[in-house]
C-alpha cells in the first residue's frame, strides 16, 4: 500500500468520524428520556472534545478545501437523509 493511499484512507476516516460526531451532537438533545440526562451531558462533552480533535486533524490534512467549508455539515445532512428515508421500525 502506498503512503498516498494510506493518507487518503486516514483523511476519509477523520472525515467519517467528524460527520458522525456532528450528527450525534445534533441529535443527542432530541432524546426525551429524562433518566439519561446526566449520561447524555457527559457523552455530549466527550463528543465535543472528539470533534475539536477532528477539526485540528482536518485543518492539517491534505484536503484543505474542507477547512472553513460546509463539507462536514453537508455530509452529515446526506447521511441523516439516508437514515430517514430508509428507516424501518423494528
N, C-alpha and C. Protein backbone atom coordinates (compact mmCIF):
# COMPACT_ATOMS: atom_id res chain seq x y z
N UNK A 1 0.84 -1.17 0.00
CA UNK A 1 0.00 0.00 0.00
C UNK A 1 0.89 1.24 0.00
N UNK A 2 0.62 2.16 -0.92
CA UNK A 2 1.44 3.36 -1.00
C UNK A 2 1.07 4.34 0.11
N UNK A 3 2.01 5.23 0.43
CA UNK A 3 1.75 6.18 1.51
C UNK A 3 0.63 7.16 1.13
N UNK A 4 0.48 7.45 -0.17
CA UNK A 4 -0.57 8.36 -0.60
C UNK A 4 -1.94 7.75 -0.33
N UNK A 5 -2.09 6.47 -0.61
CA UNK A 5 -3.36 5.80 -0.35
C UNK A 5 -3.62 5.74 1.15
N UNK A 6 -2.62 5.51 1.93
CA UNK A 6 -2.76 5.49 3.38
C UNK A 6 -3.21 6.85 3.89
N UNK A 7 -2.65 7.92 3.36
CA UNK A 7 -3.04 9.26 3.73
C UNK A 7 -4.50 9.50 3.35
N UNK A 8 -4.89 9.05 2.17
CA UNK A 8 -6.28 9.18 1.72
C UNK A 8 -7.22 8.44 2.67
N UNK A 9 -6.87 7.22 3.00
CA UNK A 9 -7.70 6.43 3.91
C UNK A 9 -7.79 7.09 5.29
N UNK A 10 -6.68 7.63 5.74
CA UNK A 10 -6.66 8.31 7.03
C UNK A 10 -7.57 9.54 7.00
N UNK A 11 -7.47 10.32 5.93
CA UNK A 11 -8.33 11.50 5.78
C UNK A 11 -9.80 11.12 5.73
N UNK A 12 -10.12 10.04 5.01
CA UNK A 12 -11.51 9.58 4.92
C UNK A 12 -12.02 9.16 6.29
N UNK A 13 -11.18 8.52 7.07
CA UNK A 13 -11.57 8.10 8.42
C UNK A 13 -11.86 9.30 9.30
N UNK A 14 -11.00 10.30 9.25
CA UNK A 14 -11.21 11.51 10.04
C UNK A 14 -12.51 12.20 9.61
N UNK A 15 -12.76 12.25 8.33
CA UNK A 15 -13.99 12.87 7.84
C UNK A 15 -15.21 12.08 8.31
N UNK A 16 -15.14 10.76 8.28
CA UNK A 16 -16.24 9.92 8.75
C UNK A 16 -16.52 10.19 10.22
N UNK A 17 -15.47 10.23 11.03
CA UNK A 17 -15.63 10.49 12.46
C UNK A 17 -16.23 11.88 12.67
N UNK A 18 -15.78 12.85 11.92
CA UNK A 18 -16.30 14.22 12.05
C UNK A 18 -17.78 14.29 11.71
N UNK A 19 -18.17 13.61 10.64
CA UNK A 19 -19.58 13.59 10.23
C UNK A 19 -20.43 12.92 11.30
N UNK A 20 -19.95 11.79 11.81
CA UNK A 20 -20.71 11.07 12.84
C UNK A 20 -20.81 11.90 14.12
N UNK A 21 -19.73 12.55 14.52
CA UNK A 21 -19.77 13.42 15.71
C UNK A 21 -20.78 14.55 15.51
N UNK A 22 -20.76 15.13 14.34
CA UNK A 22 -21.68 16.21 14.04
C UNK A 22 -23.13 15.75 14.17
N UNK A 23 -23.43 14.58 13.59
CA UNK A 23 -24.79 14.04 13.69
C UNK A 23 -25.17 13.71 15.12
N UNK A 24 -24.25 13.12 15.86
CA UNK A 24 -24.53 12.78 17.25
C UNK A 24 -24.80 14.03 18.08
N UNK A 25 -23.98 15.06 17.89
CA UNK A 25 -24.17 16.29 18.65
C UNK A 25 -25.50 16.97 18.31
N UNK A 26 -25.90 16.91 17.04
CA UNK A 26 -27.17 17.50 16.63
C UNK A 26 -28.36 16.74 17.19
N UNK A 27 -28.22 15.43 17.35
CA UNK A 27 -29.37 14.61 17.70
C UNK A 27 -29.45 14.19 19.17
N UNK A 28 -28.38 14.32 19.92
CA UNK A 28 -28.36 13.82 21.29
C UNK A 28 -29.41 14.52 22.17
N UNK A 29 -29.65 15.79 21.92
CA UNK A 29 -30.61 16.53 22.73
C UNK A 29 -32.07 16.19 22.39
N UNK A 30 -32.26 15.50 21.30
CA UNK A 30 -33.62 15.12 20.90
C UNK A 30 -34.17 13.95 21.70
N UNK A 31 -33.29 13.26 22.42
CA UNK A 31 -33.74 12.15 23.25
C UNK A 31 -34.56 12.70 24.40
N UNK A 32 -35.69 12.05 24.69
CA UNK A 32 -36.59 12.60 25.70
C UNK A 32 -36.52 11.87 27.04
N UNK A 33 -35.77 10.81 27.14
CA UNK A 33 -35.69 10.03 28.37
C UNK A 33 -34.94 10.83 29.44
N UNK A 34 -35.65 11.29 30.45
CA UNK A 34 -35.05 12.13 31.49
C UNK A 34 -33.98 11.39 32.30
N UNK A 35 -34.09 10.09 32.43
CA UNK A 35 -33.13 9.34 33.23
C UNK A 35 -31.74 9.31 32.60
N UNK A 36 -31.64 9.69 31.33
CA UNK A 36 -30.33 9.68 30.67
C UNK A 36 -29.69 11.06 30.61
N UNK A 37 -30.31 12.07 31.23
CA UNK A 37 -29.79 13.44 31.14
C UNK A 37 -28.34 13.57 31.57
N UNK A 38 -27.99 12.99 32.73
CA UNK A 38 -26.62 13.11 33.22
C UNK A 38 -25.64 12.41 32.27
N UNK A 39 -25.95 11.21 31.86
CA UNK A 39 -25.09 10.49 30.92
C UNK A 39 -25.01 11.20 29.58
N UNK A 40 -26.11 11.77 29.17
CA UNK A 40 -26.16 12.47 27.88
C UNK A 40 -25.21 13.67 27.90
N UNK A 41 -25.18 14.41 29.01
CA UNK A 41 -24.28 15.57 29.11
C UNK A 41 -22.82 15.14 29.07
N UNK A 42 -22.48 14.05 29.76
CA UNK A 42 -21.11 13.52 29.72
C UNK A 42 -20.76 13.09 28.30
N UNK A 43 -21.67 12.39 27.67
CA UNK A 43 -21.47 11.92 26.30
C UNK A 43 -21.28 13.11 25.36
N UNK A 44 -22.10 14.12 25.52
CA UNK A 44 -22.02 15.31 24.68
C UNK A 44 -20.68 16.02 24.88
N UNK A 45 -20.24 16.16 26.13
CA UNK A 45 -18.94 16.78 26.41
C UNK A 45 -17.81 16.01 25.73
N UNK A 46 -17.86 14.68 25.82
CA UNK A 46 -16.84 13.86 25.17
C UNK A 46 -16.87 14.01 23.66
N UNK A 47 -18.06 14.05 23.09
CA UNK A 47 -18.19 14.23 21.64
C UNK A 47 -17.62 15.57 21.19
N UNK A 48 -17.88 16.60 21.97
CA UNK A 48 -17.35 17.91 21.62
C UNK A 48 -15.83 17.91 21.62
N UNK A 49 -15.22 17.18 22.54
CA UNK A 49 -13.76 17.07 22.57
C UNK A 49 -13.24 16.31 21.34
N UNK A 50 -13.92 15.21 20.99
CA UNK A 50 -13.54 14.44 19.81
C UNK A 50 -13.67 15.31 18.56
N UNK A 51 -14.75 16.07 18.49
CA UNK A 51 -14.96 16.95 17.33
C UNK A 51 -13.84 17.98 17.22
N UNK A 52 -13.38 18.53 18.34
CA UNK A 52 -12.27 19.50 18.32
C UNK A 52 -11.00 18.86 17.76
N UNK A 53 -10.73 17.63 18.20
CA UNK A 53 -9.55 16.92 17.70
C UNK A 53 -9.67 16.68 16.20
N UNK A 54 -10.86 16.27 15.76
CA UNK A 54 -11.08 16.04 14.33
C UNK A 54 -10.86 17.32 13.53
N UNK A 55 -11.33 18.45 14.06
CA UNK A 55 -11.13 19.72 13.37
C UNK A 55 -9.65 20.05 13.24
N UNK A 56 -8.88 19.77 14.28
CA UNK A 56 -7.43 20.01 14.23
C UNK A 56 -6.79 19.13 13.16
N UNK A 57 -7.20 17.86 13.13
CA UNK A 57 -6.65 16.93 12.15
C UNK A 57 -7.04 17.34 10.74
N UNK A 58 -8.31 17.73 10.56
CA UNK A 58 -8.76 18.16 9.23
C UNK A 58 -8.01 19.41 8.80
N UNK A 59 -7.80 20.34 9.73
CA UNK A 59 -7.05 21.56 9.40
C UNK A 59 -5.65 21.24 8.90
N UNK A 60 -5.05 20.16 9.40
CA UNK A 60 -3.71 19.78 8.98
C UNK A 60 -3.69 18.73 7.89
N UNK A 61 -4.87 18.34 7.43
CA UNK A 61 -4.93 17.25 6.43
C UNK A 61 -4.60 17.76 5.04
N UNK A 62 -4.49 16.81 4.14
CA UNK A 62 -4.19 17.13 2.75
C UNK A 62 -5.39 17.73 2.04
N UNK A 63 -6.55 17.60 2.61
CA UNK A 63 -7.77 18.07 1.97
C UNK A 63 -8.10 19.45 2.53
N UNK A 64 -7.44 20.45 2.03
CA UNK A 64 -7.56 21.82 2.55
C UNK A 64 -8.93 22.43 2.26
N UNK A 65 -9.63 21.95 1.22
CA UNK A 65 -10.93 22.50 0.85
C UNK A 65 -11.96 22.31 1.97
N UNK A 66 -11.72 21.34 2.84
CA UNK A 66 -12.66 21.03 3.91
C UNK A 66 -12.67 22.14 4.96
N UNK A 67 -11.51 22.70 5.21
CA UNK A 67 -11.40 23.75 6.22
C UNK A 67 -12.27 24.95 5.81
N UNK A 68 -13.02 25.47 6.77
CA UNK A 68 -13.90 26.63 6.56
C UNK A 68 -14.93 26.41 5.45
N UNK A 69 -15.41 25.19 5.33
CA UNK A 69 -16.45 24.91 4.34
C UNK A 69 -17.61 24.23 5.04
N UNK A 70 -18.64 23.96 4.27
CA UNK A 70 -19.81 23.27 4.81
C UNK A 70 -19.77 21.78 4.48
N UNK A 71 -18.59 21.29 4.12
CA UNK A 71 -18.43 19.90 3.71
C UNK A 71 -18.93 18.91 4.77
N UNK A 72 -18.45 19.05 6.01
CA UNK A 72 -18.82 18.10 7.07
C UNK A 72 -20.32 18.18 7.33
N UNK A 73 -20.86 19.39 7.42
CA UNK A 73 -22.30 19.54 7.65
C UNK A 73 -23.10 18.99 6.48
N UNK A 74 -22.63 19.19 5.27
CA UNK A 74 -23.30 18.66 4.08
C UNK A 74 -23.33 17.13 4.10
N UNK A 75 -22.21 16.53 4.47
CA UNK A 75 -22.15 15.07 4.56
C UNK A 75 -23.07 14.56 5.66
N UNK A 76 -23.10 15.26 6.79
CA UNK A 76 -23.98 14.87 7.89
C UNK A 76 -25.44 14.95 7.44
N UNK A 77 -25.79 15.99 6.70
CA UNK A 77 -27.15 16.12 6.20
C UNK A 77 -27.52 14.98 5.25
N UNK A 78 -26.59 14.60 4.39
CA UNK A 78 -26.85 13.50 3.45
C UNK A 78 -27.06 12.19 4.20
N UNK A 79 -26.23 11.93 5.20
CA UNK A 79 -26.36 10.71 5.98
C UNK A 79 -27.68 10.71 6.74
N UNK A 80 -28.04 11.85 7.32
CA UNK A 80 -29.31 11.98 8.02
C UNK A 80 -30.48 11.69 7.08
N UNK A 81 -30.42 12.19 5.86
CA UNK A 81 -31.47 11.94 4.87
C UNK A 81 -31.56 10.47 4.52
N UNK A 82 -30.43 9.82 4.34
CA UNK A 82 -30.43 8.38 4.04
C UNK A 82 -31.08 7.60 5.17
N UNK A 83 -30.75 7.94 6.40
CA UNK A 83 -31.32 7.25 7.55
C UNK A 83 -32.83 7.45 7.60
N UNK A 84 -33.27 8.70 7.43
CA UNK A 84 -34.71 8.98 7.48
C UNK A 84 -35.47 8.28 6.37
N UNK A 85 -34.93 8.27 5.17
CA UNK A 85 -35.62 7.66 4.02
C UNK A 85 -35.64 6.15 4.10
N UNK A 86 -34.67 5.56 4.76
CA UNK A 86 -34.58 4.10 4.81
C UNK A 86 -34.99 3.53 6.16
N UNK A 87 -35.51 4.37 7.03
CA UNK A 87 -35.89 3.93 8.38
C UNK A 87 -37.01 2.90 8.34
N UNK A 88 -36.79 1.83 9.09
CA UNK A 88 -37.82 0.80 9.25
C UNK A 88 -37.96 0.57 10.74
N UNK A 89 -39.17 0.71 11.23
CA UNK A 89 -39.42 0.47 12.65
C UNK A 89 -39.27 -1.03 12.94
N UNK A 90 -38.31 -1.36 13.75
CA UNK A 90 -38.02 -2.78 14.02
C UNK A 90 -38.73 -3.22 15.27
